[in-house]
N, C-alpha and C. Protein backbone atom coordinates (compact mmCIF):
# COMPACT_ATOMS: atom_id res chain seq x y z
N MET A 1 62.46 32.13 290.86
CA MET A 1 61.16 32.30 290.24
C MET A 1 60.35 31.00 290.30
N HIS A 2 61.05 29.87 290.29
CA HIS A 2 60.37 28.58 290.35
C HIS A 2 59.53 28.47 291.62
N LEU A 3 60.08 28.88 292.76
CA LEU A 3 59.35 28.79 294.02
C LEU A 3 58.16 29.74 294.05
N ALA A 4 58.28 30.88 293.40
CA ALA A 4 57.16 31.83 293.34
C ALA A 4 55.99 31.20 292.58
N ALA A 5 56.28 30.55 291.47
CA ALA A 5 55.23 29.89 290.70
C ALA A 5 54.64 28.72 291.49
N GLU A 6 55.49 28.01 292.19
CA GLU A 6 55.04 26.89 293.02
C GLU A 6 54.12 27.40 294.14
N LEU A 7 54.49 28.51 294.76
CA LEU A 7 53.66 29.09 295.82
C LEU A 7 52.33 29.57 295.24
N ASP A 8 52.38 30.22 294.09
CA ASP A 8 51.15 30.69 293.45
C ASP A 8 50.17 29.55 293.23
N TRP A 9 50.67 28.47 292.63
CA TRP A 9 49.79 27.33 292.35
C TRP A 9 49.30 26.67 293.64
N SER A 10 50.19 26.52 294.60
CA SER A 10 49.82 25.88 295.86
C SER A 10 48.77 26.70 296.62
N LEU A 11 48.85 28.01 296.54
CA LEU A 11 47.84 28.86 297.18
C LEU A 11 46.49 28.71 296.49
N ARG A 12 46.50 28.59 295.18
CA ARG A 12 45.24 28.37 294.45
C ARG A 12 44.61 27.03 294.83
N VAL A 13 45.43 26.00 294.93
CA VAL A 13 44.94 24.68 295.34
C VAL A 13 44.39 24.75 296.76
N ALA A 14 45.13 25.40 297.64
CA ALA A 14 44.68 25.50 299.04
C ALA A 14 43.34 26.22 299.13
N PHE A 15 43.17 27.28 298.35
CA PHE A 15 41.94 28.07 298.41
C PHE A 15 40.79 27.38 297.70
N PHE A 16 40.98 27.05 296.43
CA PHE A 16 39.88 26.53 295.61
C PHE A 16 39.59 25.05 295.85
N ASP A 17 40.63 24.25 295.99
CA ASP A 17 40.43 22.81 296.12
C ASP A 17 40.24 22.37 297.56
N GLN A 18 40.98 22.98 298.47
CA GLN A 18 40.95 22.54 299.86
C GLN A 18 40.12 23.46 300.76
N SER A 19 39.57 24.53 300.19
CA SER A 19 38.75 25.51 300.94
C SER A 19 39.45 26.05 302.17
N ARG A 20 40.77 26.24 302.05
CA ARG A 20 41.54 26.81 303.15
C ARG A 20 41.53 28.33 303.03
N CYS A 21 41.52 29.02 304.14
CA CYS A 21 41.49 30.48 304.16
C CYS A 21 42.92 31.01 304.08
N ILE A 22 43.38 31.24 302.85
CA ILE A 22 44.77 31.64 302.64
C ILE A 22 45.05 33.07 303.08
N SER A 23 44.03 33.81 303.51
CA SER A 23 44.27 35.16 304.03
C SER A 23 44.74 35.11 305.49
N MET A 24 44.64 33.95 306.10
CA MET A 24 45.10 33.81 307.48
C MET A 24 46.60 33.49 307.48
N ARG A 25 47.31 34.21 308.31
CA ARG A 25 48.77 34.11 308.34
C ARG A 25 49.26 32.68 308.50
N HIS A 26 48.72 31.93 309.43
CA HIS A 26 49.23 30.57 309.67
C HIS A 26 48.99 29.66 308.49
N VAL A 27 47.90 29.87 307.75
CA VAL A 27 47.63 29.05 306.56
C VAL A 27 48.59 29.43 305.45
N LEU A 28 48.75 30.72 305.21
CA LEU A 28 49.69 31.21 304.20
C LEU A 28 51.10 30.71 304.47
N PHE A 29 51.52 30.80 305.71
CA PHE A 29 52.87 30.37 306.07
C PHE A 29 53.03 28.85 305.94
N ALA A 30 51.98 28.09 306.26
CA ALA A 30 52.06 26.63 306.11
C ALA A 30 52.24 26.25 304.64
N VAL A 31 51.51 26.93 303.76
CA VAL A 31 51.63 26.65 302.33
C VAL A 31 53.02 27.06 301.84
N ALA A 32 53.50 28.21 302.28
CA ALA A 32 54.84 28.68 301.88
C ALA A 32 55.91 27.70 302.33
N GLU A 33 55.76 27.18 303.53
CA GLU A 33 56.74 26.21 304.04
C GLU A 33 56.69 24.91 303.24
N GLN A 34 55.49 24.47 302.85
CA GLN A 34 55.34 23.23 302.08
C GLN A 34 56.06 23.31 300.74
N VAL A 35 56.10 24.50 300.12
CA VAL A 35 56.76 24.61 298.82
C VAL A 35 58.26 24.83 298.94
N GLY A 36 58.74 25.01 300.18
CA GLY A 36 60.18 25.08 300.38
C GLY A 36 60.77 26.47 300.43
N LEU A 37 59.96 27.49 300.71
CA LEU A 37 60.51 28.84 300.83
C LEU A 37 61.38 28.96 302.07
N ASP A 38 62.33 29.88 302.03
CA ASP A 38 63.12 30.23 303.20
C ASP A 38 62.18 30.97 304.14
N MET A 39 61.73 30.30 305.18
CA MET A 39 60.67 30.85 306.02
C MET A 39 61.13 32.05 306.83
N ARG A 40 62.37 32.12 307.19
CA ARG A 40 62.86 33.30 307.90
C ARG A 40 62.76 34.53 306.99
N GLN A 41 63.23 34.39 305.75
CA GLN A 41 63.16 35.50 304.79
C GLN A 41 61.71 35.83 304.45
N PHE A 42 60.89 34.80 304.25
CA PHE A 42 59.48 35.02 303.93
C PHE A 42 58.78 35.78 305.05
N ALA A 43 59.00 35.36 306.29
CA ALA A 43 58.38 36.02 307.44
C ALA A 43 58.86 37.47 307.56
N ASN A 44 60.16 37.70 307.37
CA ASN A 44 60.69 39.06 307.43
C ASN A 44 60.07 39.94 306.35
N ASP A 45 60.02 39.44 305.11
CA ASP A 45 59.44 40.22 304.02
C ASP A 45 57.95 40.46 304.24
N PHE A 46 57.25 39.43 304.67
CA PHE A 46 55.81 39.53 304.90
C PHE A 46 55.51 40.54 306.01
N ASP A 47 56.21 40.41 307.12
CA ASP A 47 55.94 41.27 308.28
C ASP A 47 56.38 42.71 308.06
N SER A 48 57.41 42.92 307.25
CA SER A 48 57.89 44.27 307.02
C SER A 48 56.99 45.04 306.07
N GLY A 49 56.17 44.32 305.30
CA GLY A 49 55.30 44.99 304.33
C GLY A 49 56.05 45.49 303.11
N ILE A 50 57.25 44.96 302.90
CA ILE A 50 58.13 45.45 301.85
C ILE A 50 57.49 45.41 300.46
N THR A 51 56.63 44.45 300.22
CA THR A 51 56.00 44.34 298.90
C THR A 51 54.51 44.66 298.92
N LYS A 52 53.97 45.02 300.06
CA LYS A 52 52.53 45.26 300.18
C LYS A 52 52.06 46.36 299.22
N ALA A 53 52.75 47.48 299.19
CA ALA A 53 52.34 48.59 298.32
C ALA A 53 52.34 48.16 296.85
N ARG A 54 53.35 47.39 296.46
CA ARG A 54 53.43 46.92 295.07
C ARG A 54 52.28 45.97 294.73
N VAL A 55 52.00 45.04 295.65
CA VAL A 55 50.90 44.09 295.43
C VAL A 55 49.57 44.83 295.30
N LEU A 56 49.32 45.77 296.19
CA LEU A 56 48.07 46.54 296.13
C LEU A 56 47.99 47.38 294.87
N ARG A 57 49.10 48.01 294.47
CA ARG A 57 49.14 48.81 293.25
C ARG A 57 48.85 47.94 292.02
N GLU A 58 49.46 46.76 291.95
CA GLU A 58 49.24 45.87 290.81
C GLU A 58 47.81 45.33 290.79
N ALA A 59 47.26 45.04 291.97
CA ALA A 59 45.87 44.58 292.03
C ALA A 59 44.93 45.67 291.54
N GLN A 60 45.16 46.89 292.00
CA GLN A 60 44.31 48.00 291.58
C GLN A 60 44.43 48.23 290.07
N GLU A 61 45.63 48.14 289.54
CA GLU A 61 45.83 48.29 288.11
C GLU A 61 45.06 47.21 287.35
N GLY A 62 45.11 45.98 287.85
CA GLY A 62 44.40 44.89 287.20
C GLY A 62 42.90 45.12 287.18
N TRP A 63 42.36 45.59 288.29
CA TRP A 63 40.91 45.79 288.38
C TRP A 63 40.45 47.04 287.62
N GLU A 64 41.15 48.16 287.82
CA GLU A 64 40.66 49.43 287.32
C GLU A 64 41.16 49.80 285.92
N GLU A 65 42.43 49.57 285.66
CA GLU A 65 42.98 49.99 284.37
C GLU A 65 42.87 48.91 283.31
N LEU A 66 43.23 47.69 283.66
CA LEU A 66 43.24 46.61 282.68
C LEU A 66 41.89 45.90 282.58
N ARG A 67 41.05 46.09 283.59
CA ARG A 67 39.72 45.45 283.64
C ARG A 67 39.81 43.93 283.56
N VAL A 68 40.77 43.36 284.27
CA VAL A 68 40.92 41.92 284.33
C VAL A 68 39.72 41.36 285.08
N GLU A 69 39.02 40.40 284.47
CA GLU A 69 37.79 39.89 285.05
C GLU A 69 37.93 38.52 285.68
N ALA A 70 39.02 37.83 285.41
CA ALA A 70 39.14 36.46 285.90
C ALA A 70 40.61 36.14 286.13
N SER A 71 40.81 35.11 286.92
CA SER A 71 42.16 34.64 287.17
C SER A 71 42.22 33.16 286.80
N PRO A 72 43.21 32.77 286.07
CA PRO A 72 44.31 33.59 285.58
C PRO A 72 43.94 34.31 284.29
N THR A 73 44.54 35.45 284.08
CA THR A 73 44.46 36.19 282.83
C THR A 73 45.87 36.63 282.48
N LEU A 74 46.30 36.33 281.27
CA LEU A 74 47.60 36.79 280.80
C LEU A 74 47.39 38.12 280.08
N VAL A 75 48.18 39.13 280.44
CA VAL A 75 48.11 40.44 279.80
C VAL A 75 49.44 40.67 279.11
N LEU A 76 49.39 40.80 277.80
CA LEU A 76 50.61 41.01 277.02
C LEU A 76 50.98 42.49 277.02
N PRO A 77 52.24 42.80 276.70
CA PRO A 77 52.67 44.21 276.69
C PRO A 77 51.82 45.11 275.79
N ASN A 78 51.23 44.55 274.73
CA ASN A 78 50.39 45.37 273.86
C ASN A 78 48.97 45.55 274.40
N GLY A 79 48.69 44.98 275.59
CA GLY A 79 47.39 45.14 276.21
C GLY A 79 46.41 44.02 275.92
N LYS A 80 46.72 43.16 274.96
CA LYS A 80 45.83 42.05 274.65
C LYS A 80 45.77 41.08 275.83
N GLN A 81 44.55 40.61 276.13
CA GLN A 81 44.36 39.73 277.27
C GLN A 81 43.89 38.35 276.84
N TYR A 82 44.36 37.35 277.55
CA TYR A 82 43.92 35.98 277.36
C TYR A 82 43.46 35.46 278.71
N SER A 83 42.16 35.21 278.82
CA SER A 83 41.63 34.74 280.10
C SER A 83 41.59 33.22 280.12
N TYR A 84 41.00 32.70 281.18
CA TYR A 84 40.90 31.26 281.34
C TYR A 84 40.26 30.59 280.13
N ARG A 85 39.29 31.24 279.48
CA ARG A 85 38.64 30.63 278.30
C ARG A 85 39.63 30.41 277.18
N ALA A 86 40.39 31.44 276.86
CA ALA A 86 41.36 31.34 275.77
C ALA A 86 42.45 30.33 276.09
N LEU A 87 42.74 30.18 277.38
CA LEU A 87 43.78 29.25 277.80
C LEU A 87 43.25 27.83 277.97
N GLY A 88 41.92 27.66 277.85
CA GLY A 88 41.33 26.34 278.00
C GLY A 88 41.26 25.89 279.44
N LEU A 89 41.13 26.83 280.37
CA LEU A 89 41.10 26.50 281.79
C LEU A 89 39.68 26.59 282.33
N PRO A 90 39.40 25.89 283.41
CA PRO A 90 38.06 25.99 284.01
C PRO A 90 37.85 27.36 284.64
N ARG A 91 36.60 27.75 284.77
CA ARG A 91 36.26 29.03 285.40
C ARG A 91 35.62 28.75 286.75
N ALA A 92 36.17 29.32 287.78
CA ALA A 92 35.63 29.16 289.13
C ALA A 92 34.63 30.28 289.40
N ILE A 93 33.44 29.92 289.86
CA ILE A 93 32.42 30.90 290.21
C ILE A 93 32.39 31.01 291.73
N LEU A 94 32.64 32.21 292.22
CA LEU A 94 32.68 32.46 293.66
C LEU A 94 31.47 33.29 294.06
N ASP A 95 30.95 33.05 295.24
CA ASP A 95 29.78 33.75 295.74
C ASP A 95 30.21 34.81 296.76
N PRO A 96 30.13 36.11 296.39
CA PRO A 96 30.55 37.15 297.33
C PRO A 96 29.69 37.20 298.59
N LYS A 97 28.45 36.74 298.50
CA LYS A 97 27.57 36.74 299.67
C LYS A 97 27.97 35.65 300.66
N ARG A 98 28.76 34.70 300.21
CA ARG A 98 29.23 33.61 301.08
C ARG A 98 30.74 33.70 301.26
N HIS A 99 31.25 34.92 301.35
CA HIS A 99 32.68 35.18 301.54
C HIS A 99 33.51 34.57 300.42
N TYR A 100 33.01 34.69 299.21
CA TYR A 100 33.69 34.23 297.99
C TYR A 100 33.98 32.74 298.02
N ARG A 101 33.04 32.00 298.53
CA ARG A 101 33.15 30.53 298.55
C ARG A 101 32.91 30.02 297.13
N LEU A 102 33.63 28.99 296.76
CA LEU A 102 33.46 28.37 295.46
C LEU A 102 32.08 27.74 295.38
N VAL A 103 31.30 28.11 294.36
CA VAL A 103 29.96 27.55 294.22
C VAL A 103 29.80 26.72 292.95
N GLU A 104 30.58 27.02 291.92
CA GLU A 104 30.52 26.23 290.68
C GLU A 104 31.86 26.29 289.97
N ILE A 105 32.10 25.28 289.15
CA ILE A 105 33.26 25.26 288.26
C ILE A 105 32.73 24.99 286.86
N HIS A 106 33.00 25.91 285.95
CA HIS A 106 32.58 25.75 284.56
C HIS A 106 33.80 25.29 283.76
N LEU A 107 33.70 24.11 283.18
CA LEU A 107 34.83 23.59 282.42
C LEU A 107 34.89 24.23 281.05
N ALA A 108 36.10 24.56 280.64
CA ALA A 108 36.33 25.06 279.29
C ALA A 108 36.39 23.86 278.35
N PRO A 109 36.04 24.05 277.08
CA PRO A 109 36.14 22.93 276.15
C PRO A 109 37.59 22.44 276.06
N ALA A 110 37.76 21.15 276.15
CA ALA A 110 39.10 20.56 276.09
C ALA A 110 39.51 20.37 274.64
N ARG A 111 40.77 20.61 274.38
CA ARG A 111 41.29 20.45 273.03
C ARG A 111 41.53 18.97 272.69
N GLU A 112 41.76 18.18 273.73
CA GLU A 112 42.02 16.77 273.51
C GLU A 112 41.21 15.95 274.50
N GLN A 113 40.82 14.76 274.10
CA GLN A 113 39.96 13.92 274.93
C GLN A 113 40.62 13.56 276.26
N HIS A 114 41.93 13.26 276.26
CA HIS A 114 42.56 12.87 277.52
C HIS A 114 42.56 14.03 278.52
N ALA A 115 42.67 15.28 278.02
CA ALA A 115 42.61 16.44 278.92
C ALA A 115 41.21 16.57 279.51
N TRP A 116 40.20 16.35 278.69
CA TRP A 116 38.81 16.43 279.15
C TRP A 116 38.54 15.35 280.20
N THR A 117 38.97 14.13 279.94
CA THR A 117 38.75 13.03 280.87
C THR A 117 39.45 13.30 282.19
N SER A 118 40.68 13.78 282.14
CA SER A 118 41.43 14.08 283.34
C SER A 118 40.77 15.19 284.15
N THR A 119 40.32 16.23 283.49
CA THR A 119 39.68 17.36 284.17
C THR A 119 38.37 16.94 284.81
N THR A 120 37.52 16.24 284.07
CA THR A 120 36.23 15.85 284.62
C THR A 120 36.40 14.85 285.76
N THR A 121 37.41 14.00 285.67
CA THR A 121 37.67 13.05 286.75
C THR A 121 38.10 13.79 288.01
N SER A 122 39.00 14.76 287.85
CA SER A 122 39.49 15.52 289.00
C SER A 122 38.36 16.30 289.67
N PHE A 123 37.60 17.05 288.88
CA PHE A 123 36.52 17.85 289.46
C PHE A 123 35.37 16.97 289.93
N GLY A 124 35.18 15.83 289.29
CA GLY A 124 34.10 14.93 289.67
C GLY A 124 34.25 14.37 291.07
N ARG A 125 35.49 14.27 291.55
CA ARG A 125 35.71 13.80 292.92
C ARG A 125 35.22 14.82 293.94
N LEU A 126 35.26 16.08 293.58
CA LEU A 126 34.92 17.15 294.52
C LEU A 126 33.51 17.71 294.30
N CYS A 127 32.99 17.54 293.11
CA CYS A 127 31.77 18.24 292.73
C CYS A 127 30.78 17.32 292.04
N LYS A 128 29.52 17.78 292.01
CA LYS A 128 28.48 17.06 291.28
C LYS A 128 28.40 17.64 289.86
N PRO A 129 28.62 16.82 288.83
CA PRO A 129 28.58 17.35 287.46
C PRO A 129 27.15 17.51 286.94
N ARG A 130 26.94 18.57 286.12
CA ARG A 130 25.68 18.80 285.43
C ARG A 130 25.98 19.67 284.21
N ASN A 131 25.95 19.10 283.03
CA ASN A 131 26.17 19.84 281.79
C ASN A 131 27.47 20.65 281.79
N ASN A 132 28.57 20.01 282.13
CA ASN A 132 29.90 20.64 282.16
C ASN A 132 30.01 21.73 283.21
N ILE A 133 29.06 21.77 284.16
CA ILE A 133 29.15 22.67 285.30
C ILE A 133 29.21 21.79 286.53
N PHE A 134 30.18 22.05 287.38
CA PHE A 134 30.39 21.24 288.57
C PHE A 134 30.05 22.07 289.81
N THR A 135 29.23 21.52 290.69
CA THR A 135 28.84 22.18 291.93
C THR A 135 29.50 21.43 293.08
N PRO A 136 30.19 22.17 293.98
CA PRO A 136 30.87 21.51 295.10
C PRO A 136 29.90 20.67 295.92
N ARG A 137 30.41 19.56 296.44
CA ARG A 137 29.60 18.65 297.25
C ARG A 137 29.45 19.13 298.68
N PHE A 138 30.21 20.13 299.11
CA PHE A 138 30.13 20.58 300.51
C PHE A 138 29.08 21.64 300.67
């Protein structure tokens, strides 16, 4: 499970931070290899489509039944949801007209000053800040 979480985070970094197209096989496989997955098993599972139906079913459930509006969102067994706001995470704004390219990052209020400083410093390297909204420099 550790590698799955590592892959999840690394794919988010590749997509949002590095603007890599993680839907392309060679990019996805490069990220999977970087986190240390067994690439033979990963390629076999990926190519066989063994989990494709499950992934599509869960995505559809998230969109249509649970009405999940943002990622990450934690959904508890009782149906209660905690989105990025409740978790104190930034919100990424994607533009569907530009193939879902990152256009802004809205920072959530930080609970502690060191978290706020760290977050603004990280996003400030990539984006132009304006009233806690960061716009990519590219």
